Amino acid sequence: MRVINFAQGEFLIVGAMTAISLAEVAPLPVAILGAVLITTTLGAVVALVFCYIVDGNFGLLNDLLVRIGLIDNYFSFLSDPTASFWVIVSAMVWYGTPLMALILLAWMQHASSSAMAS
């Protein structure tokens, strides 16, 4: 089974934007190294947060579902292939949505300024 991983594209865009921003205040090699470190750290933080949320023993999602009454016992989301797939999808959406919102905002601002100019 082939898997398409869109995560590298998001990391590439975030890393490039970070390197461009850092290049204004630091030499280019330092900016690239800083971008790599910042991007890697962001990815690790997202992974750790989602591991904590869906943990089978003390995860926040399990606690919420038990308190609401949707499930009786804690469920290990990362042990079930289907559930783990949806956990990964939701983590990538959560990580990528702010970036896509910024890109859409930039496009909308550009489109409205170019429409006003003509």
N, C-alpha and C. Protein backbone atom coordinates (compact mmCIF):
# COMPACT_ATOMS: atom_id res chain seq x y z
N MET A 1 0.84 -1.18 0.00
CA MET A 1 0.00 0.00 0.00
C MET A 1 0.88 1.25 0.00
N ARG A 2 0.62 2.14 -0.89
CA ARG A 2 1.41 3.37 -0.98
C ARG A 2 0.73 4.47 -0.16
N VAL A 3 1.56 5.24 0.52
CA VAL A 3 1.06 6.32 1.35
C VAL A 3 1.63 7.63 0.83
N ILE A 4 0.76 8.59 0.64
CA ILE A 4 1.19 9.92 0.22
C ILE A 4 1.34 10.75 1.49
N ASN A 5 2.51 11.27 1.71
CA ASN A 5 2.78 12.04 2.91
C ASN A 5 2.90 13.51 2.53
N PHE A 6 1.93 14.31 2.95
CA PHE A 6 1.93 15.73 2.65
C PHE A 6 2.71 16.52 3.70
N ALA A 7 3.18 15.86 4.74
CA ALA A 7 3.86 16.56 5.84
C ALA A 7 5.14 17.24 5.36
N GLN A 8 5.88 16.60 4.47
CA GLN A 8 7.14 17.19 4.04
C GLN A 8 6.90 18.52 3.33
N GLY A 9 5.84 18.65 2.58
CA GLY A 9 5.55 19.91 1.91
C GLY A 9 5.28 21.03 2.90
N GLU A 10 4.53 20.72 3.94
CA GLU A 10 4.25 21.73 4.97
C GLU A 10 5.52 22.12 5.70
N PHE A 11 6.35 21.12 6.05
CA PHE A 11 7.60 21.42 6.73
C PHE A 11 8.52 22.24 5.83
N LEU A 12 8.52 21.97 4.54
CA LEU A 12 9.35 22.71 3.61
C LEU A 12 8.91 24.17 3.54
N ILE A 13 7.61 24.39 3.47
CA ILE A 13 7.10 25.76 3.39
C ILE A 13 7.38 26.52 4.69
N VAL A 14 7.10 25.89 5.82
CA VAL A 14 7.36 26.55 7.11
C VAL A 14 8.85 26.82 7.27
N GLY A 15 9.69 25.87 6.88
CA GLY A 15 11.13 26.06 6.97
C GLY A 15 11.63 27.17 6.06
N ALA A 16 11.10 27.24 4.86
CA ALA A 16 11.52 28.29 3.92
C ALA A 16 11.08 29.67 4.42
N MET A 17 9.86 29.75 4.93
CA MET A 17 9.38 31.03 5.47
C MET A 17 10.22 31.46 6.67
N THR A 18 10.57 30.51 7.52
CA THR A 18 11.39 30.82 8.69
C THR A 18 12.79 31.26 8.27
N ALA A 19 13.38 30.56 7.30
CA ALA A 19 14.73 30.93 6.83
C ALA A 19 14.73 32.31 6.20
N ILE A 20 13.71 32.64 5.44
CA ILE A 20 13.64 33.97 4.83
C ILE A 20 13.52 35.04 5.90
N SER A 21 12.71 34.77 6.93
CA SER A 21 12.56 35.74 8.01
C SER A 21 13.85 35.90 8.80
N LEU A 22 14.52 34.78 9.08
CA LEU A 22 15.77 34.85 9.85
C LEU A 22 16.91 35.45 9.04
N ALA A 23 16.87 35.34 7.71
CA ALA A 23 17.94 35.84 6.86
C ALA A 23 18.04 37.36 6.93
N GLU A 24 16.98 38.01 7.36
CA GLU A 24 17.01 39.47 7.48
C GLU A 24 17.86 39.92 8.67
N VAL A 25 18.02 39.05 9.68
CA VAL A 25 18.76 39.44 10.89
C VAL A 25 20.01 38.59 11.13
N ALA A 26 20.23 37.58 10.33
CA ALA A 26 21.38 36.68 10.53
C ALA A 26 21.94 36.28 9.17
N PRO A 27 23.18 35.84 9.13
CA PRO A 27 23.74 35.33 7.87
C PRO A 27 22.95 34.12 7.37
N LEU A 28 22.98 33.89 6.07
CA LEU A 28 22.18 32.84 5.47
C LEU A 28 22.43 31.45 6.05
N PRO A 29 23.66 31.00 6.27
CA PRO A 29 23.84 29.67 6.87
C PRO A 29 23.22 29.55 8.26
N VAL A 30 23.33 30.60 9.05
CA VAL A 30 22.72 30.59 10.38
C VAL A 30 21.19 30.58 10.26
N ALA A 31 20.66 31.32 9.31
CA ALA A 31 19.21 31.35 9.09
C ALA A 31 18.69 29.98 8.67
N ILE A 32 19.41 29.30 7.80
CA ILE A 32 18.98 27.97 7.36
C ILE A 32 19.03 26.98 8.51
N LEU A 33 20.12 27.02 9.30
CA LEU A 33 20.21 26.14 10.45
C LEU A 33 19.10 26.43 11.46
N GLY A 34 18.84 27.70 11.71
CA GLY A 34 17.75 28.06 12.61
C GLY A 34 16.40 27.60 12.10
N ALA A 35 16.18 27.71 10.79
CA ALA A 35 14.91 27.26 10.21
C ALA A 35 14.74 25.75 10.36
N VAL A 36 15.80 25.01 10.15
CA VAL A 36 15.73 23.55 10.31
C VAL A 36 15.40 23.19 11.76
N LEU A 37 16.09 23.83 12.70
CA LEU A 37 15.84 23.55 14.11
C LEU A 37 14.43 23.94 14.54
N ILE A 38 13.96 25.09 14.11
CA ILE A 38 12.62 25.54 14.49
C ILE A 38 11.56 24.63 13.88
N THR A 39 11.71 24.29 12.60
CA THR A 39 10.73 23.43 11.94
C THR A 39 10.69 22.04 12.56
N THR A 40 11.86 21.50 12.87
CA THR A 40 11.92 20.18 13.50
C THR A 40 11.28 20.22 14.88
N THR A 41 11.54 21.27 15.62
CA THR A 41 10.95 21.41 16.95
C THR A 41 9.44 21.51 16.88
N LEU A 42 8.93 22.27 15.92
CA LEU A 42 7.48 22.38 15.77
C LEU A 42 6.84 21.03 15.46
N GLY A 43 7.45 20.27 14.58
CA GLY A 43 6.93 18.94 14.26
C GLY A 43 6.95 18.02 15.47
N ALA A 44 8.03 18.08 16.26
CA ALA A 44 8.11 17.24 17.45
C ALA A 44 7.08 17.64 18.49
N VAL A 45 6.84 18.93 18.64
CA VAL A 45 5.83 19.39 19.60
C VAL A 45 4.44 18.92 19.19
N VAL A 46 4.12 19.02 17.92
CA VAL A 46 2.81 18.54 17.44
C VAL A 46 2.67 17.05 17.71
N ALA A 47 3.71 16.28 17.45
CA ALA A 47 3.66 14.83 17.69
C ALA A 47 3.49 14.52 19.16
N LEU A 48 4.21 15.20 20.03
CA LEU A 48 4.09 14.94 21.46
C LEU A 48 2.72 15.34 22.00
N VAL A 49 2.19 16.45 21.53
CA VAL A 49 0.86 16.88 21.99
C VAL A 49 -0.19 15.86 21.59
N PHE A 50 -0.13 15.39 20.36
CA PHE A 50 -1.13 14.42 19.93
C PHE A 50 -0.94 13.06 20.59
N CYS A 51 0.29 12.68 20.89
CA CYS A 51 0.49 11.44 21.65
C CYS A 51 -0.12 11.55 23.03
N TYR A 52 -0.01 12.71 23.66
CA TYR A 52 -0.61 12.91 24.97
C TYR A 52 -2.14 12.92 24.88
N ILE A 53 -2.69 13.51 23.84
CA ILE A 53 -4.14 13.60 23.70
C ILE A 53 -4.76 12.22 23.50
N VAL A 54 -4.14 11.35 22.70
CA VAL A 54 -4.75 10.07 22.36
C VAL A 54 -4.13 8.88 23.10
N ASP A 55 -3.36 9.13 24.14
CA ASP A 55 -2.76 8.04 24.90
C ASP A 55 -3.83 7.11 25.45
N GLY A 56 -3.55 5.81 25.40
CA GLY A 56 -4.54 4.82 25.84
C GLY A 56 -4.72 4.74 27.34
N ASN A 57 -3.77 5.22 28.12
CA ASN A 57 -3.86 5.12 29.58
C ASN A 57 -4.37 6.39 30.24
N PHE A 58 -3.93 7.54 29.78
CA PHE A 58 -4.30 8.78 30.45
C PHE A 58 -4.59 9.91 29.47
N GLY A 59 -4.92 9.61 28.24
CA GLY A 59 -5.12 10.64 27.23
C GLY A 59 -6.33 11.53 27.48
N LEU A 60 -6.22 12.76 27.03
CA LEU A 60 -7.30 13.71 27.22
C LEU A 60 -8.55 13.33 26.43
N LEU A 61 -8.37 12.78 25.24
CA LEU A 61 -9.53 12.39 24.44
C LEU A 61 -10.29 11.24 25.11
N ASN A 62 -9.56 10.26 25.62
CA ASN A 62 -10.20 9.16 26.34
C ASN A 62 -10.97 9.67 27.56
N ASP A 63 -10.34 10.56 28.31
CA ASP A 63 -10.99 11.11 29.49
C ASP A 63 -12.27 11.84 29.12
N LEU A 64 -12.22 12.63 28.07
CA LEU A 64 -13.40 13.35 27.63
C LEU A 64 -14.51 12.41 27.17
N LEU A 65 -14.16 11.38 26.40
CA LEU A 65 -15.16 10.44 25.92
C LEU A 65 -15.78 9.62 27.05
N VAL A 66 -14.99 9.28 28.07
CA VAL A 66 -15.53 8.56 29.23
C VAL A 66 -16.46 9.46 30.03
N ARG A 67 -16.06 10.71 30.24
CA ARG A 67 -16.90 11.64 31.01
C ARG A 67 -18.22 11.95 30.31
N ILE A 68 -18.18 12.06 28.99
CA ILE A 68 -19.41 12.30 28.24
C ILE A 68 -20.30 11.07 28.24
N GLY A 69 -19.69 9.89 28.30
CA GLY A 69 -20.44 8.65 28.30
C GLY A 69 -20.47 7.94 26.97
N LEU A 70 -19.64 8.37 26.03
CA LEU A 70 -19.62 7.72 24.71
C LEU A 70 -18.90 6.38 24.76
N ILE A 71 -17.92 6.23 25.65
CA ILE A 71 -17.24 4.94 25.84
C ILE A 71 -17.18 4.63 27.32
N ASP A 72 -17.09 3.33 27.65
CA ASP A 72 -17.04 2.91 29.05
C ASP A 72 -15.61 2.79 29.56
N ASN A 73 -14.71 2.29 28.72
CA ASN A 73 -13.31 2.07 29.10
C ASN A 73 -12.41 2.87 28.17
N TYR A 74 -11.19 3.11 28.63
CA TYR A 74 -10.24 3.81 27.79
C TYR A 74 -9.90 2.96 26.57
N PHE A 75 -9.68 3.63 25.44
CA PHE A 75 -9.42 2.98 24.16
C PHE A 75 -8.04 3.40 23.68
N SER A 76 -7.23 2.46 23.23
CA SER A 76 -5.90 2.78 22.72
C SER A 76 -6.01 3.13 21.24
N PHE A 77 -6.03 4.41 20.95
CA PHE A 77 -6.20 4.87 19.58
C PHE A 77 -5.01 4.50 18.70
N LEU A 78 -3.82 4.47 19.26
CA LEU A 78 -2.64 4.20 18.45
C LEU A 78 -2.40 2.72 18.20
N SER A 79 -3.19 1.84 18.85
CA SER A 79 -3.06 0.39 18.60
C SER A 79 -3.95 -0.08 17.47
N ASP A 80 -5.01 0.64 17.22
CA ASP A 80 -5.96 0.29 16.16
C ASP A 80 -5.53 0.97 14.87
N PRO A 81 -5.38 0.24 13.77
CA PRO A 81 -4.91 0.85 12.52
C PRO A 81 -5.82 1.97 12.00
N THR A 82 -7.12 1.76 12.05
CA THR A 82 -8.04 2.79 11.55
C THR A 82 -8.01 4.02 12.43
N ALA A 83 -8.05 3.83 13.73
CA ALA A 83 -8.03 4.96 14.65
C ALA A 83 -6.70 5.72 14.56
N SER A 84 -5.60 5.00 14.44
CA SER A 84 -4.30 5.68 14.35
C SER A 84 -4.19 6.46 13.05
N PHE A 85 -4.79 5.96 11.97
CA PHE A 85 -4.80 6.71 10.72
C PHE A 85 -5.51 8.05 10.91
N TRP A 86 -6.66 8.04 11.58
CA TRP A 86 -7.41 9.29 11.78
C TRP A 86 -6.72 10.22 12.78
N VAL A 87 -5.98 9.66 13.71
CA VAL A 87 -5.18 10.49 14.61
C VAL A 87 -4.11 11.23 13.82
N ILE A 88 -3.44 10.53 12.92
CA ILE A 88 -2.39 11.16 12.11
C ILE A 88 -2.98 12.19 11.17
N VAL A 89 -4.13 11.88 10.57
CA VAL A 89 -4.78 12.85 9.68
C VAL A 89 -5.16 14.10 10.46
N SER A 90 -5.75 13.94 11.64
CA SER A 90 -6.14 15.11 12.42
C SER A 90 -4.93 15.91 12.89
N ALA A 91 -3.83 15.25 13.22
CA ALA A 91 -2.62 15.97 13.62
C ALA A 91 -2.07 16.78 12.46
N MET A 92 -2.06 16.21 11.27
CA MET A 92 -1.54 16.94 10.11
C MET A 92 -2.46 18.09 9.72
N VAL A 93 -3.76 17.90 9.85
CA VAL A 93 -4.69 19.00 9.58
C VAL A 93 -4.50 20.11 10.60
N TRP A 94 -4.35 19.73 11.88
CA TRP A 94 -4.15 20.71 12.93
C TRP A 94 -2.85 21.48 12.73
N TYR A 95 -1.82 20.81 12.24
CA TYR A 95 -0.54 21.46 12.00
C TYR A 95 -0.58 22.34 10.75
N GLY A 96 -1.30 21.92 9.73
CA GLY A 96 -1.26 22.62 8.45
C GLY A 96 -2.30 23.70 8.27
N THR A 97 -3.38 23.68 9.03
CA THR A 97 -4.46 24.64 8.84
C THR A 97 -4.02 26.09 9.05
N PRO A 98 -3.27 26.43 10.10
CA PRO A 98 -2.85 27.83 10.23
C PRO A 98 -2.01 28.32 9.06
N LEU A 99 -1.14 27.48 8.54
CA LEU A 99 -0.34 27.87 7.38
C LEU A 99 -1.22 28.11 6.17
N MET A 100 -2.16 27.23 5.92
CA MET A 100 -3.06 27.42 4.78
C MET A 100 -3.92 28.68 4.96
N ALA A 101 -4.32 28.97 6.21
CA ALA A 101 -5.10 30.18 6.47
C ALA A 101 -4.26 31.43 6.17
N LEU A 102 -2.98 31.41 6.54
CA LEU A 102 -2.11 32.55 6.23
C LEU A 102 -1.91 32.72 4.74
N ILE A 103 -1.74 31.61 4.03
CA ILE A 103 -1.59 31.69 2.58
C ILE A 103 -2.86 32.23 1.93
N LEU A 104 -4.02 31.76 2.39
CA LEU A 104 -5.29 32.26 1.87
C LEU A 104 -5.48 33.74 2.18
N LEU A 105 -5.11 34.17 3.39
CA LEU A 105 -5.21 35.58 3.75
C LEU A 105 -4.31 36.44 2.87
N ALA A 106 -3.09 35.99 2.64
CA ALA A 106 -2.17 36.73 1.77
C ALA A 106 -2.73 36.82 0.35
N TRP A 107 -3.31 35.75 -0.14
CA TRP A 107 -3.89 35.77 -1.49
C TRP A 107 -5.08 36.72 -1.54
N MET A 108 -5.92 36.70 -0.51
CA MET A 108 -7.09 37.58 -0.50
C MET A 108 -6.68 39.05 -0.43
N GLN A 109 -5.65 39.36 0.35
CA GLN A 109 -5.18 40.74 0.42
C GLN A 109 -4.58 41.18 -0.90
N HIS A 110 -3.85 40.30 -1.55
CA HIS A 110 -3.28 40.62 -2.85
C HIS A 110 -4.38 40.78 -3.89
N ALA A 111 -5.36 39.87 -3.88
CA ALA A 111 -6.44 39.93 -4.87
C ALA A 111 -7.26 41.20 -4.69
N SER A 112 -7.53 41.59 -3.44
CA SER A 112 -8.35 42.80 -3.26
C SER A 112 -7.56 44.06 -3.63
N SER A 113 -6.26 44.10 -3.36
CA SER A 113 -5.47 45.28 -3.73
C SER A 113 -5.30 45.37 -5.24
N SER A 114 -5.15 44.25 -5.93
CA SER A 114 -5.01 44.30 -7.38
C SER A 114 -6.35 44.61 -8.04
N ALA A 115 -7.46 44.23 -7.42
CA ALA A 115 -8.77 44.56 -7.97
C ALA A 115 -9.06 46.06 -7.81
N MET A 116 -8.59 46.61 -6.69
CA MET A 116 -8.80 48.05 -6.47
C MET A 116 -7.93 48.88 -7.40
N ALA A 117 -6.75 48.35 -7.76
CA ALA A 117 -5.84 49.10 -8.62
C ALA A 117 -6.35 49.17 -10.06
N SER A 118 -7.15 48.20 -10.47
CA SER A 118 -7.61 48.20 -11.87
C SER A 118 -8.95 48.81 -12.03
